[in-house]
Amino acid sequence: RSPIHGRGLFCKRNIDAGEMVIEYSGNVIRSILTDKREKYYDSKGIGCYMFRIDDSEVVDATMHGNAARFINHSCEPNCYSRVINIDGQKHIVIFAMRKIYRGEELTYDYKFP
């Protein structure tokens, strides 16, 4: 359990600044579908885990994601996200902003408006 909110993702080993931590994976969907999916998940009492790639695409990790979906928001994060293009495919990758120690909760800034 996270002291920040619900579940969290915690570091299993020390991670150096700038090191890749994890890729945020899930189903890539068109942005226009996000509202419909969020309403569906809400109606079923399912927590929603989505991460915007760009204006047209979102990664929906709700049903088919990995542990990255449990990384919580912080205004003073220890990680940051980047969209990386690999062979024409966009990937969301989480990197360590600073040295992160074993047992520490991983966080990044969700950049809420």
PDB file of N, CA and C in Angstrom:
ATOM      1  N   ARG A   1       0.841  -1.195   0.000  1.00  0.00           N
ATOM      2  CA  ARG A   1       0.000   0.000   0.000  1.00  0.00           C
ATOM      3  C   ARG A   1       0.876   1.245   0.000  1.00  0.00           C
ATOM      4  N   SER A   2       0.403   2.233  -0.712  1.00  0.00           N
ATOM      5  CA  SER A   2       1.144   3.485  -0.818  1.00  0.00           C
ATOM      6  C   SER A   2       0.640   4.501   0.195  1.00  0.00           C
ATOM      7  N   PRO A   3       1.542   5.225   0.831  1.00  0.00           N
ATOM      8  CA  PRO A   3       1.105   6.321   1.694  1.00  0.00           C
ATOM      9  C   PRO A   3       0.562   7.504   0.881  1.00  0.00           C
ATOM     10  N   ILE A   4       0.816   7.510  -0.420  1.00  0.00           N
ATOM     11  CA  ILE A   4       0.337   8.585  -1.292  1.00  0.00           C
ATOM     12  C   ILE A   4      -1.113   8.327  -1.697  1.00  0.00           C
ATOM     13  N   HIS A   5      -1.364   7.127  -2.262  1.00  0.00           N
ATOM     14  CA  HIS A   5      -2.721   6.797  -2.717  1.00  0.00           C
ATOM     15  C   HIS A   5      -2.788   5.325  -3.120  1.00  0.00           C
ATOM     16  N   GLY A   6      -3.683   4.583  -2.525  1.00  0.00           N
ATOM     17  CA  GLY A   6      -3.960   3.200  -2.933  1.00  0.00           C
ATOM     18  C   GLY A   6      -2.714   2.355  -3.095  1.00  0.00           C
ATOM     19  N   ARG A   7      -2.609   1.759  -4.257  1.00  0.00           N
ATOM     20  CA  ARG A   7      -1.420   0.971  -4.570  1.00  0.00           C
ATOM     21  C   ARG A   7      -0.306   1.909  -5.002  1.00  0.00           C
ATOM     22  N   GLY A   8       0.892   1.404  -4.948  1.00  0.00           N
ATOM     23  CA  GLY A   8       2.036   2.158  -5.435  1.00  0.00           C
ATOM     24  C   GLY A   8       3.030   1.185  -6.019  1.00  0.00           C
ATOM     25  N   LEU A   9       4.063   1.699  -6.647  1.00  0.00           N
ATOM     26  CA  LEU A   9       5.141   0.865  -7.169  1.00  0.00           C
ATOM     27  C   LEU A   9       6.403   1.240  -6.412  1.00  0.00           C
ATOM     28  N   PHE A  10       7.076   0.229  -5.884  1.00  0.00           N
ATOM     29  CA  PHE A  10       8.233   0.455  -5.032  1.00  0.00           C
ATOM     30  C   PHE A  10       9.478  -0.154  -5.657  1.00  0.00           C
ATOM     31  N   CYS A  11      10.591   0.515  -5.434  1.00  0.00           N
ATOM     32  CA  CYS A  11      11.872   0.142  -6.011  1.00  0.00           C
ATOM     33  C   CYS A  11      12.405  -1.137  -5.353  1.00  0.00           C
ATOM     34  N   LYS A  12      12.796  -2.133  -6.166  1.00  0.00           N
ATOM     35  CA  LYS A  12      13.341  -3.391  -5.642  1.00  0.00           C
ATOM     36  C   LYS A  12      14.858  -3.346  -5.493  1.00  0.00           C
ATOM     37  N   ARG A  13      15.482  -2.395  -6.187  1.00  0.00           N
ATOM     38  CA  ARG A  13      16.939  -2.229  -6.114  1.00  0.00           C
ATOM     39  C   ARG A  13      17.252  -0.761  -6.314  1.00  0.00           C
ATOM     40  N   ASN A  14      18.454  -0.352  -5.970  1.00  0.00           N
ATOM     41  CA  ASN A  14      18.853   1.032  -6.215  1.00  0.00           C
ATOM     42  C   ASN A  14      18.869   1.297  -7.727  1.00  0.00           C
ATOM     43  N   ILE A  15      18.397   2.479  -8.110  1.00  0.00           N
ATOM     44  CA  ILE A  15      18.363   2.877  -9.516  1.00  0.00           C
ATOM     45  C   ILE A  15      19.102   4.205  -9.638  1.00  0.00           C
ATOM     46  N   ASP A  16      20.020   4.291 -10.584  1.00  0.00           N
ATOM     47  CA  ASP A  16      20.798   5.515 -10.783  1.00  0.00           C
ATOM     48  C   ASP A  16      19.997   6.567 -11.541  1.00  0.00           C
ATOM     49  N   ALA A  17      20.351   7.831 -11.332  1.00  0.00           N
ATOM     50  CA  ALA A  17      19.729   8.941 -12.059  1.00  0.00           C
ATOM     51  C   ALA A  17      19.894   8.723 -13.557  1.00  0.00           C
ATOM     52  N   GLY A  18      18.824   8.951 -14.311  1.00  0.00           N
ATOM     53  CA  GLY A  18      18.860   8.799 -15.758  1.00  0.00           C
ATOM     54  C   GLY A  18      18.610   7.390 -16.257  1.00  0.00           C
ATOM     55  N   GLU A  19      18.591   6.426 -15.349  1.00  0.00           N
ATOM     56  CA  GLU A  19      18.382   5.030 -15.737  1.00  0.00           C
ATOM     57  C   GLU A  19      16.909   4.785 -16.079  1.00  0.00           C
ATOM     58  N   MET A  20      16.691   3.956 -17.098  1.00  0.00           N
ATOM     59  CA  MET A  20      15.320   3.556 -17.426  1.00  0.00           C
ATOM     60  C   MET A  20      14.784   2.711 -16.278  1.00  0.00           C
ATOM     61  N   VAL A  21      13.551   3.020 -15.852  1.00  0.00           N
ATOM     62  CA  VAL A  21      12.929   2.299 -14.744  1.00  0.00           C
ATOM     63  C   VAL A  21      11.966   1.243 -15.277  1.00  0.00           C
ATOM     64  N   ILE A  22      11.045   1.665 -16.150  1.00  0.00           N
ATOM     65  CA  ILE A  22      10.020   0.758 -16.666  1.00  0.00           C
ATOM     66  C   ILE A  22       9.317   1.419 -17.844  1.00  0.00           C
ATOM     67  N   GLU A  23       8.790   0.603 -18.734  1.00  0.00           N
ATOM     68  CA  GLU A  23       7.931   1.115 -19.802  1.00  0.00           C
ATOM     69  C   GLU A  23       6.488   1.039 -19.325  1.00  0.00           C
ATOM     70  N   TYR A  24       5.713   2.070 -19.621  1.00  0.00           N
ATOM     71  CA  TYR A  24       4.282   2.070 -19.310  1.00  0.00           C
ATOM     72  C   TYR A  24       3.593   1.366 -20.468  1.00  0.00           C
ATOM     73  N   SER A  25       3.109   0.155 -20.230  1.00  0.00           N
ATOM     74  CA  SER A  25       2.535  -0.607 -21.335  1.00  0.00           C
ATOM     75  C   SER A  25       1.045  -0.842 -21.154  1.00  0.00           C
ATOM     76  N   GLY A  26       0.391  -1.120 -22.262  1.00  0.00           N
ATOM     77  CA  GLY A  26      -1.044  -1.371 -22.288  1.00  0.00           C
ATOM     78  C   GLY A  26      -1.524  -1.331 -23.720  1.00  0.00           C
ATOM     79  N   ASN A  27      -2.818  -1.176 -23.898  1.00  0.00           N
ATOM     80  CA  ASN A  27      -3.398  -1.082 -25.240  1.00  0.00           C
ATOM     81  C   ASN A  27      -3.349   0.360 -25.719  1.00  0.00           C
ATOM     82  N   VAL A  28      -2.815   0.570 -26.913  1.00  0.00           N
ATOM     83  CA  VAL A  28      -2.798   1.908 -27.502  1.00  0.00           C
ATOM     84  C   VAL A  28      -4.152   2.129 -28.181  1.00  0.00           C
ATOM     85  N   ILE A  29      -4.828   3.205 -27.767  1.00  0.00           N
ATOM     86  CA  ILE A  29      -6.146   3.530 -28.322  1.00  0.00           C
ATOM     87  C   ILE A  29      -6.151   4.976 -28.819  1.00  0.00           C
ATOM     88  N   ARG A  30      -7.127   5.290 -29.647  1.00  0.00           N
ATOM     89  CA  ARG A  30      -7.278   6.670 -30.103  1.00  0.00           C
ATOM     90  C   ARG A  30      -7.805   7.521 -28.951  1.00  0.00           C
ATOM     91  N   SER A  31      -7.331   8.732 -28.842  1.00  0.00           N
ATOM     92  CA  SER A  31      -7.724   9.638 -27.753  1.00  0.00           C
ATOM     93  C   SER A  31      -9.228   9.831 -27.673  1.00  0.00           C
ATOM     94  N   ILE A  32      -9.881   9.812 -28.815  1.00  0.00           N
ATOM     95  CA  ILE A  32     -11.325  10.053 -28.858  1.00  0.00           C
ATOM     96  C   ILE A  32     -12.111   8.983 -28.076  1.00  0.00           C
ATOM     97  N   LEU A  33     -11.510   7.823 -27.840  1.00  0.00           N
ATOM     98  CA  LEU A  33     -12.180   6.727 -27.133  1.00  0.00           C
ATOM     99  C   LEU A  33     -12.023   6.782 -25.617  1.00  0.00           C
ATOM    100  N   THR A  34     -11.183   7.675 -25.119  1.00  0.00           N
ATOM    101  CA  THR A  34     -10.874   7.659 -23.682  1.00  0.00           C
ATOM    102  C   THR A  34     -12.083   7.950 -22.805  1.00  0.00           C
ATOM    103  N   ASP A  35     -12.893   8.932 -23.162  1.00  0.00           N
ATOM    104  CA  ASP A  35     -14.070   9.258 -22.341  1.00  0.00           C
ATOM    105  C   ASP A  35     -15.017   8.074 -22.233  1.00  0.00           C
ATOM    106  N   LYS A  36     -15.259   7.408 -23.360  1.00  0.00           N
ATOM    107  CA  LYS A  36     -16.152   6.250 -23.376  1.00  0.00           C
ATOM    108  C   LYS A  36     -15.605   5.138 -22.475  1.00  0.00           C
ATOM    109  N   ARG A  37     -14.312   4.872 -22.587  1.00  0.00           N
ATOM    110  CA  ARG A  37     -13.708   3.825 -21.758  1.00  0.00           C
ATOM    111  C   ARG A  37     -13.738   4.197 -20.284  1.00  0.00           C
ATOM    112  N   GLU A  38     -13.422   5.452 -19.970  1.00  0.00           N
ATOM    113  CA  GLU A  38     -13.446   5.883 -18.567  1.00  0.00           C
ATOM    114  C   GLU A  38     -14.835   5.708 -17.965  1.00  0.00           C
ATOM    115  N   LYS A  39     -15.869   6.072 -18.717  1.00  0.00           N
ATOM    116  CA  LYS A  39     -17.249   5.914 -18.234  1.00  0.00           C
ATOM    117  C   LYS A  39     -17.584   4.440 -18.017  1.00  0.00           C
ATOM    118  N   TYR A  40     -17.136   3.589 -18.923  1.00  0.00           N
ATOM    119  CA  TYR A  40     -17.376   2.152 -18.784  1.00  0.00           C
ATOM    120  C   TYR A  40     -16.693   1.616 -17.523  1.00  0.00           C
ATOM    121  N   TYR A  41     -15.404   1.942 -17.360  1.00  0.00           N
ATOM    122  CA  TYR A  41     -14.667   1.462 -16.185  1.00  0.00           C
ATOM    123  C   TYR A  41     -15.329   1.954 -14.900  1.00  0.00           C
ATOM    124  N   ASP A  42     -15.734   3.219 -14.898  1.00  0.00           N
ATOM    125  CA  ASP A  42     -16.383   3.796 -13.723  1.00  0.00           C
ATOM    126  C   ASP A  42     -17.690   3.063 -13.407  1.00  0.00           C
ATOM    127  N   SER A  43     -18.460   2.730 -14.434  1.00  0.00           N
ATOM    128  CA  SER A  43     -19.739   2.031 -14.229  1.00  0.00           C
ATOM    129  C   SER A  43     -19.542   0.630 -13.656  1.00  0.00           C
ATOM    130  N   LYS A  44     -18.365   0.054 -13.883  1.00  0.00           N
ATOM    131  CA  LYS A  44     -18.054  -1.285 -13.381  1.00  0.00           C
ATOM    132  C   LYS A  44     -17.244  -1.248 -12.081  1.00  0.00           C
ATOM    133  N   GLY A  45     -16.937  -0.037 -11.604  1.00  0.00           N
ATOM    134  CA  GLY A  45     -16.143   0.102 -10.383  1.00  0.00           C
ATOM    135  C   GLY A  45     -14.688  -0.280 -10.565  1.00  0.00           C
ATOM    136  N   ILE A  46     -14.195  -0.121 -11.790  1.00  0.00           N
ATOM    137  CA  ILE A  46     -12.810  -0.474 -12.119  1.00  0.00           C
ATOM    138  C   ILE A  46     -11.969   0.795 -12.142  1.00  0.00           C
ATOM    139  N   GLY A  47     -10.830   0.783 -11.469  1.00  0.00           N
ATOM    140  CA  GLY A  47      -9.904   1.919 -11.525  1.00  0.00           C
ATOM    141  C   GLY A  47      -9.364   2.068 -12.939  1.00  0.00           C
ATOM    142  N   CYS A  48      -9.246   3.284 -13.391  1.00  0.00           N
ATOM    143  CA  CYS A  48      -8.834   3.584 -14.766  1.00  0.00           C
ATOM    144  C   CYS A  48      -7.365   4.019 -14.789  1.00  0.00           C
ATOM    145  N   TYR A  49      -6.582   3.395 -15.672  1.00  0.00           N
ATOM    146  CA  TYR A  49      -5.163   3.726 -15.801  1.00  0.00           C
ATOM    147  C   TYR A  49      -4.862   4.050 -17.260  1.00  0.00           C
ATOM    148  N   MET A  50      -4.789   5.336 -17.579  1.00  0.00           N
ATOM    149  CA  MET A  50      -4.498   5.766 -18.946  1.00  0.00           C
ATOM    150  C   MET A  50      -3.380   6.804 -18.931  1.00  0.00           C
ATOM    151  N   PHE A  51      -2.581   6.793 -19.987  1.00  0.00           N
ATOM    152  CA  PHE A  51      -1.441   7.707 -20.110  1.00  0.00           C
ATOM    153  C   PHE A  51      -1.419   8.215 -21.548  1.00  0.00           C
ATOM    154  N   ARG A  52      -1.506   9.519 -21.703  1.00  0.00           N
ATOM    155  CA  ARG A  52      -1.545  10.130 -23.038  1.00  0.00           C
ATOM    156  C   ARG A  52      -0.156  10.094 -23.685  1.00  0.00           C
ATOM    157  N   ILE A  53      -0.115   9.550 -24.905  1.00  0.00           N
ATOM    158  CA  ILE A  53       1.113   9.545 -25.702  1.00  0.00           C
ATOM    159  C   ILE A  53       1.266  10.890 -26.402  1.00  0.00           C
ATOM    160  N   ASP A  54       0.190  11.304 -27.072  1.00  0.00           N
ATOM    161  CA  ASP A  54       0.154  12.578 -27.790  1.00  0.00           C
ATOM    162  C   ASP A  54      -1.315  12.960 -27.966  1.00  0.00           C
ATOM    163  N   ASP A  55      -1.597  13.921 -28.835  1.00  0.00           N
ATOM    164  CA  ASP A  55      -2.980  14.379 -29.010  1.00  0.00           C
ATOM    165  C   ASP A  55      -3.903  13.313 -29.596  1.00  0.00           C
ATOM    166  N   SER A  56      -3.337  12.326 -30.265  1.00  0.00           N
ATOM    167  CA  SER A  56      -4.192  11.344 -30.940  1.00  0.00           C
ATOM    168  C   SER A  56      -4.191   9.953 -30.317  1.00  0.00           C
ATOM    169  N   GLU A  57      -3.217   9.647 -29.458  1.00  0.00           N
ATOM    170  CA  GLU A  57      -3.126   8.293 -28.896  1.00  0.00           C
ATOM    171  C   GLU A  57      -2.918   8.291 -27.383  1.00  0.00           C
ATOM    172  N   VAL A  58      -3.481   7.254 -26.759  1.00  0.00           N
ATOM    173  CA  VAL A  58      -3.392   7.057 -25.310  1.00  0.00           C
ATOM    174  C   VAL A  58      -3.073   5.590 -25.056  1.00  0.00           C
ATOM    175  N   VAL A  59      -2.274   5.319 -24.025  1.00  0.00           N
ATOM    176  CA  VAL A  59      -2.066   3.941 -23.586  1.00  0.00           C
ATOM    177  C   VAL A  59      -3.078   3.662 -22.483  1.00  0.00           C
ATOM    178  N   ASP A  60      -3.932   2.678 -22.706  1.00  0.00           N
ATOM    179  CA  ASP A  60      -4.900   2.237 -21.701  1.00  0.00           C
ATOM    180  C   ASP A  60      -4.322   0.993 -21.036  1.00  0.00           C
ATOM    181  N   ALA A  61      -3.877   1.148 -19.794  1.00  0.00           N
ATOM    182  CA  ALA A  61      -3.266   0.046 -19.041  1.00  0.00           C
ATOM    183  C   ALA A  61      -4.241  -0.578 -18.050  1.00  0.00           C
ATOM    184  N   THR A  62      -5.495  -0.184 -18.118  1.00  0.00           N
ATOM    185  CA  THR A  62      -6.479  -0.627 -17.133  1.00  0.00           C
ATOM    186  C   THR A  62      -6.615  -2.142 -17.079  1.00  0.00           C
ATOM    187  N   MET A  63      -6.817  -2.775 -18.209  1.00  0.00           N
ATOM    188  CA  MET A  63      -7.046  -4.220 -18.245  1.00  0.00           C
ATOM    189  C   MET A  63      -5.807  -5.010 -18.656  1.00  0.00           C
ATOM    190  N   HIS A  64      -4.944  -4.401 -19.458  1.00  0.00           N
ATOM    191  CA  HIS A  64      -3.794  -5.128 -20.002  1.00  0.00           C
ATOM    192  C   HIS A  64      -2.508  -4.333 -19.844  1.00  0.00           C
ATOM    193  N   GLY A  65      -2.280  -3.809 -18.661  1.00  0.00           N
ATOM    194  CA  GLY A  65      -1.083  -3.023 -18.417  1.00  0.00           C
ATOM    195  C   GLY A  65      -0.081  -3.780 -17.566  1.00  0.00           C
ATOM    196  N   ASN A  66       0.989  -3.101 -17.234  1.00  0.00           N
ATOM    197  CA  ASN A  66       1.995  -3.681 -16.352  1.00  0.00           C
ATOM    198  C   ASN A  66       2.039  -2.879 -15.055  1.00  0.00           C
ATOM    199  N   ALA A  67       3.027  -3.144 -14.236  1.00  0.00           N
ATOM    200  CA  ALA A  67       3.134  -2.511 -12.916  1.00  0.00           C
ATOM    201  C   ALA A  67       3.307  -1.002 -12.988  1.00  0.00           C
ATOM    202  N   ALA A  68       3.735  -0.465 -14.129  1.00  0.00           N
ATOM    203  CA  ALA A  68       3.938   0.985 -14.256  1.00  0.00           C
ATOM    204  C   ALA A  68       2.660   1.765 -13.970  1.00  0.00           C
ATOM    205  N   ARG A  69       1.508   1.139 -14.180  1.00  0.00           N
ATOM    206  CA  ARG A  69       0.234   1.839 -13.947  1.00  0.00           C
ATOM    207  C   ARG A  69       0.030   2.196 -12.483  1.00  0.00           C
ATOM    208  N   PHE A  70       0.798   1.587 -11.591  1.00  0.00           N
ATOM    209  CA  PHE A  70       0.649   1.858 -10.165  1.00  0.00           C
ATOM    210  C   PHE A  70       1.578   2.965  -9.656  1.00  0.00           C
ATOM    211  N   ILE A  71       2.352   3.580 -10.553  1.00  0.00           N
ATOM    212  CA  ILE A  71       3.207   4.695 -10.142  1.00  0.00           C
ATOM    213  C   ILE A  71       2.315   5.894  -9.852  1.00  0.00           C
ATOM    214  N   ASN A  72       2.434   6.437  -8.661  1.00  0.00           N
ATOM    215  CA  ASN A  72       1.595   7.554  -8.226  1.00  0.00           C
ATOM    216  C   ASN A  72       2.177   8.906  -8.620  1.00  0.00           C
ATOM    217  N   HIS A  73       1.300   9.906  -8.598  1.00  0.00           N
ATOM    218  CA  HIS A  73       1.676  11.294  -8.870  1.00  0.00           C
ATOM    219  C   HIS A  73       2.389  11.906  -7.666  1.00  0.00           C
ATOM    220  N   SER A  74       3.335  12.775  -7.961  1.00  0.00           N
ATOM    221  CA  SER A  74       3.956  13.607  -6.934  1.00  0.00           C
ATOM    222  C   SER A  74       4.369  14.925  -7.569  1.00  0.00           C
ATOM    223  N   CYS A  75       4.218  15.998  -6.808  1.00  0.00           N
ATOM    224  CA  CYS A  75       4.715  17.304  -7.264  1.00  0.00           C
ATOM    225  C   CYS A  75       6.230  17.387  -7.088  1.00  0.00           C
ATOM    226  N   GLU A  76       6.787  16.452  -6.314  1.00  0.00           N
ATOM    227  CA  GLU A  76       8.238  16.338  -6.130  1.00  0.00           C
ATOM    228  C   GLU A  76       8.648  14.911  -6.479  1.00  0.00           C
ATOM    229  N   PRO A  77       8.554  14.552  -7.765  1.00  0.00           N
ATOM    230  CA  PRO A  77       8.758  13.165  -8.183  1.00  0.00           C
ATOM    231  C   PRO A  77      10.218  12.734  -8.198  1.00  0.00           C
ATOM    232  N   ASN A  78      10.409  11.409  -8.235  1.00  0.00           N
ATOM    233  CA  ASN A  78      11.758  10.869  -8.398  1.00  0.00           C
ATOM    234  C   ASN A  78      11.948  10.277  -9.800  1.00  0.00           C
ATOM    235  N   CYS A  79      10.893  10.313 -10.621  1.00  0.00           N
ATOM    236  CA  CYS A  79      10.952   9.812 -11.994  1.00  0.00           C
ATOM    237  C   CYS A  79      10.327  10.826 -12.952  1.00  0.00           C
ATOM    238  N   TYR A  80      10.585  10.628 -14.234  1.00  0.00           N
ATOM    239  CA  TYR A  80       9.931  11.420 -15.273  1.00  0.00           C
ATOM    240  C   TYR A  80       9.619  10.494 -16.445  1.00  0.00           C
ATOM    241  N   SER A  81       8.685  10.911 -17.271  1.00  0.00           N
ATOM    242  CA  SER A  81       8.293  10.092 -18.418  1.00  0.00           C
ATOM    243  C   SER A  81       8.727  10.755 -19.718  1.00  0.00           C
ATOM    244  N   ARG A  82       8.983   9.908 -20.709  1.00  0.00           N
ATOM    245  CA  ARG A  82       9.324  10.378 -22.050  1.00  0.00           C
ATOM    246  C   ARG A  82       8.641   9.470 -23.057  1.00  0.00           C
ATOM    247  N   VAL A  83       8.187  10.058 -24.155  1.00  0.00           N
ATOM    248  CA  VAL A  83       7.689   9.268 -25.271  1.00  0.00           C
ATOM    249  C   VAL A  83       8.883   9.013 -26.185  1.00  0.00           C
ATOM    250  N   ILE A  84       9.179   7.742 -26.395  1.00  0.00           N
ATOM    251  CA  ILE A  84      10.323   7.322 -27.198  1.00  0.00           C
ATOM    252  C   ILE A  84       9.803   6.639 -28.460  1.00  0.00           C
ATOM    253  N   ASN A  85      10.363   6.999 -29.609  1.00  0.00           N
ATOM    254  CA  ASN A  85       9.972   6.386 -30.872  1.00  0.00           C
ATOM    255  C   ASN A  85      10.975   5.290 -31.213  1.00  0.00           C
ATOM    256  N   ILE A  86      10.487   4.047 -31.292  1.00  0.00           N
ATOM    257  CA  ILE A  86      11.338   2.909 -31.638  1.00  0.00           C
ATOM    258  C   ILE A  86      10.736   2.233 -32.863  1.00  0.00           C
ATOM    259  N   ASP A  87      11.459   2.293 -33.973  1.00  0.00           N
ATOM    260  CA  ASP A  87      10.997   1.688 -35.228  1.00  0.00           C
ATOM    261  C   ASP A  87       9.582   2.125 -35.598  1.00  0.00           C
ATOM    262  N   GLY A  88       9.292   3.411 -35.427  1.00  0.00           N
ATOM    263  CA  GLY A  88       7.996   3.955 -35.805  1.00  0.00           C
ATOM    264  C   GLY A  88       6.889   3.750 -34.780  1.00  0.00           C
ATOM    265  N   GLN A  89       7.194   3.092 -33.676  1.00  0.00           N
ATOM    266  CA  GLN A  89       6.212   2.862 -32.609  1.00  0.00           C
ATOM    267  C   GLN A  89       6.556   3.754 -31.419  1.00  0.00           C
ATOM    268  N   LYS A  90       5.543   4.440 -30.882  1.00  0.00           N
ATOM    269  CA  LYS A  90       5.755   5.302 -29.724  1.00  0.00           C
ATOM    270  C   LYS A  90       5.598   4.496 -28.437  1.00  0.00           C
ATOM    271  N   HIS A  91       6.541   4.689 -27.527  1.00  0.00           N
ATOM    272  CA  HIS A  91       6.534   4.007 -26.236  1.00  0.00           C
ATOM    273  C   HIS A  91       6.673   5.046 -25.132  1.00  0.00           C
ATOM    274  N   ILE A  92       5.960   4.851 -24.035  1.00  0.00           N
ATOM    275  CA  ILE A  92       6.112   5.706 -22.862  1.00  0.00           C
ATOM    276  C   ILE A  92       7.083   5.007 -21.922  1.00  0.00           C
ATOM    277  N   VAL A  93       8.182   5.691 -21.630  1.00  0.00           N
ATOM    278  CA  VAL A  93       9.222   5.108 -20.787  1.00  0.00           C
ATOM    279  C   VAL A  93       9.432   6.001 -19.570  1.00  0.00           C
ATOM    280  N   ILE A  94       9.565   5.374 -18.418  1.00  0.00           N
ATOM    281  CA  ILE A  94       9.785   6.077 -17.159  1.00  0.00           C
ATOM    282  C   ILE A  94      11.269   5.979 -16.813  1.00  0.00           C
ATOM    283  N   PHE A  95      11.878   7.133 -16.497  1.00  0.00           N
ATOM    284  CA  PHE A  95      13.292   7.212 -16.142  1.00  0.00           C
ATOM    285  C   PHE A  95      13.447   7.772 -14.731  1.00  0.00           C
ATOM    286  N   ALA A  96      14.557   7.442 -14.097  1.00  0.00           N
ATOM    287  CA  ALA A  96      14.864   7.979 -12.766  1.00  0.00           C
ATOM    288  C   ALA A  96      15.370   9.408 -12.903  1.00  0.00           C
ATOM    289  N   MET A  97      14.777  10.309 -12.155  1.00  0.00           N
ATOM    290  CA  MET A  97      15.175  11.712 -12.157  1.00  0.00           C
ATOM    291  C   MET A  97      16.432  11.917 -11.300  1.00  0.00           C
ATOM    292  N   ARG A  98      16.550  11.078 -10.298  1.00  0.00           N
ATOM    293  CA  ARG A  98      17.675  11.126  -9.359  1.00  0.00           C
ATOM    294  C   ARG A  98      17.921   9.698  -8.901  1.00  0.00           C
ATOM    295  N   LYS A  99      18.927   9.502  -8.075  1.00  0.00           N
ATOM    296  CA  LYS A  99      19.146   8.161  -7.526  1.00  0.00           C
ATOM    297  C   LYS A  99      17.935   7.788  -6.674  1.00  0.00           C
ATOM    298  N   ILE A 100      17.418   6.584  -6.905  1.00  0.00           N
ATOM    299  CA  ILE A 100      16.268   6.079  -6.155  1.00  0.00           C
ATOM    300  C   ILE A 100      16.736   4.844  -5.394  1.00  0.00           C
ATOM    301  N   TYR A 101      16.406   4.805  -4.122  1.00  0.00           N
ATOM    302  CA  TYR A 101      16.891   3.729  -3.268  1.00  0.00           C
ATOM    303  C   TYR A 101      15.873   2.607  -3.109  1.00  0.00           C
ATOM    304  N   ARG A 102      16.384   1.411  -2.911  1.00  0.00           N
ATOM    305  CA  ARG A 102      15.550   0.226  -2.700  1.00  0.00           C
ATOM    306  C   ARG A 102      14.496   0.518  -1.628  1.00  0.00           C
ATOM    307  N   GLY A 103      13.254   0.164  -1.916  1.00  0.00           N
ATOM    308  CA  GLY A 103      12.162   0.368  -0.972  1.00  0.00           C
ATOM    309  C   GLY A 103      11.433   1.688  -1.134  1.00  0.00           C
ATOM    310  N   GLU A 104      12.008   2.613  -1.887  1.00  0.00           N
ATOM    311  CA  GLU A 104      11.396   3.926  -2.095  1.00  0.00           C
ATOM    312  C   GLU A 104      10.257   3.815  -3.115  1.00  0.00           C
ATOM    313  N   GLU A 105       9.179   4.558  -2.887  1.00  0.00           N
ATOM    314  CA  GLU A 105       8.075   4.548  -3.839  1.00  0.00           C
ATOM    315  C   GLU A 105       8.443   5.363  -5.073  1.00  0.00           C
ATOM    316  N   LEU A 106       8.115   4.826  -6.251  1.00  0.00           N
ATOM    317  CA  LEU A 106       8.348   5.522  -7.510  1.00  0.00           C
ATOM    318  C   LEU A 106       7.198   6.486  -7.771  1.00  0.00           C
ATOM    319  N   THR A 107       7.534   7.700  -8.198  1.00  0.00           N
ATOM    320  CA  THR A 107       6.526   8.722  -8.478  1.00  0.00           C
ATOM    321  C   THR A 107       6.948   9.538  -9.697  1.00  0.00           C
ATOM    322  N   TYR A 108       5.972  10.111 -10.368  1.00  0.00           N
ATOM    323  CA  TYR A 108       6.257  11.107 -11.402  1.00  0.00           C
ATOM    324  C   TYR A 108       5.122  12.114 -11.422  1.00  0.00           C
ATOM    325  N   ASP A 109       5.357  13.235 -12.078  1.00  0.00           N
ATOM    326  CA  ASP A 109       4.380  14.316 -12.152  1.00  0.00           C
ATOM    327  C   ASP A 109       3.417  14.021 -13.293  1.00  0.00           C
ATOM    328  N   TYR A 110       2.147  13.817 -12.980  1.00  0.00           N
ATOM    329  CA  TYR A 110       1.138  13.536 -14.005  1.00  0.00           C
ATOM    330  C   TYR A 110       0.847  14.761 -14.867  1.00  0.00           C
ATOM    331  N   LYS A 111       1.364  15.923 -14.465  1.00  0.00           N
ATOM    332  CA  LYS A 111       1.189  17.182 -15.207  1.00  0.00           C
ATOM    333  C   LYS A 111      -0.288  17.537 -15.379  1.00  0.00           C
ATOM    334  N   PHE A 112      -1.009  17.497 -14.286  1.00  0.00           N
ATOM    335  CA  PHE A 112      -2.416  17.898 -14.312  1.00  0.00           C
ATOM    336  C   PHE A 112      -2.504  19.371 -14.675  1.00  0.00           C
ATOM    337  N   PRO A 113      -3.529  19.758 -15.453  1.00  0.00           N
ATOM    338  CA  PRO A 113      -3.674  21.179 -15.812  1.00  0.00           C
ATOM    339  C   PRO A 113      -4.002  22.041 -14.606  1.00  0.00           C
TER     340      PRO A 113
END
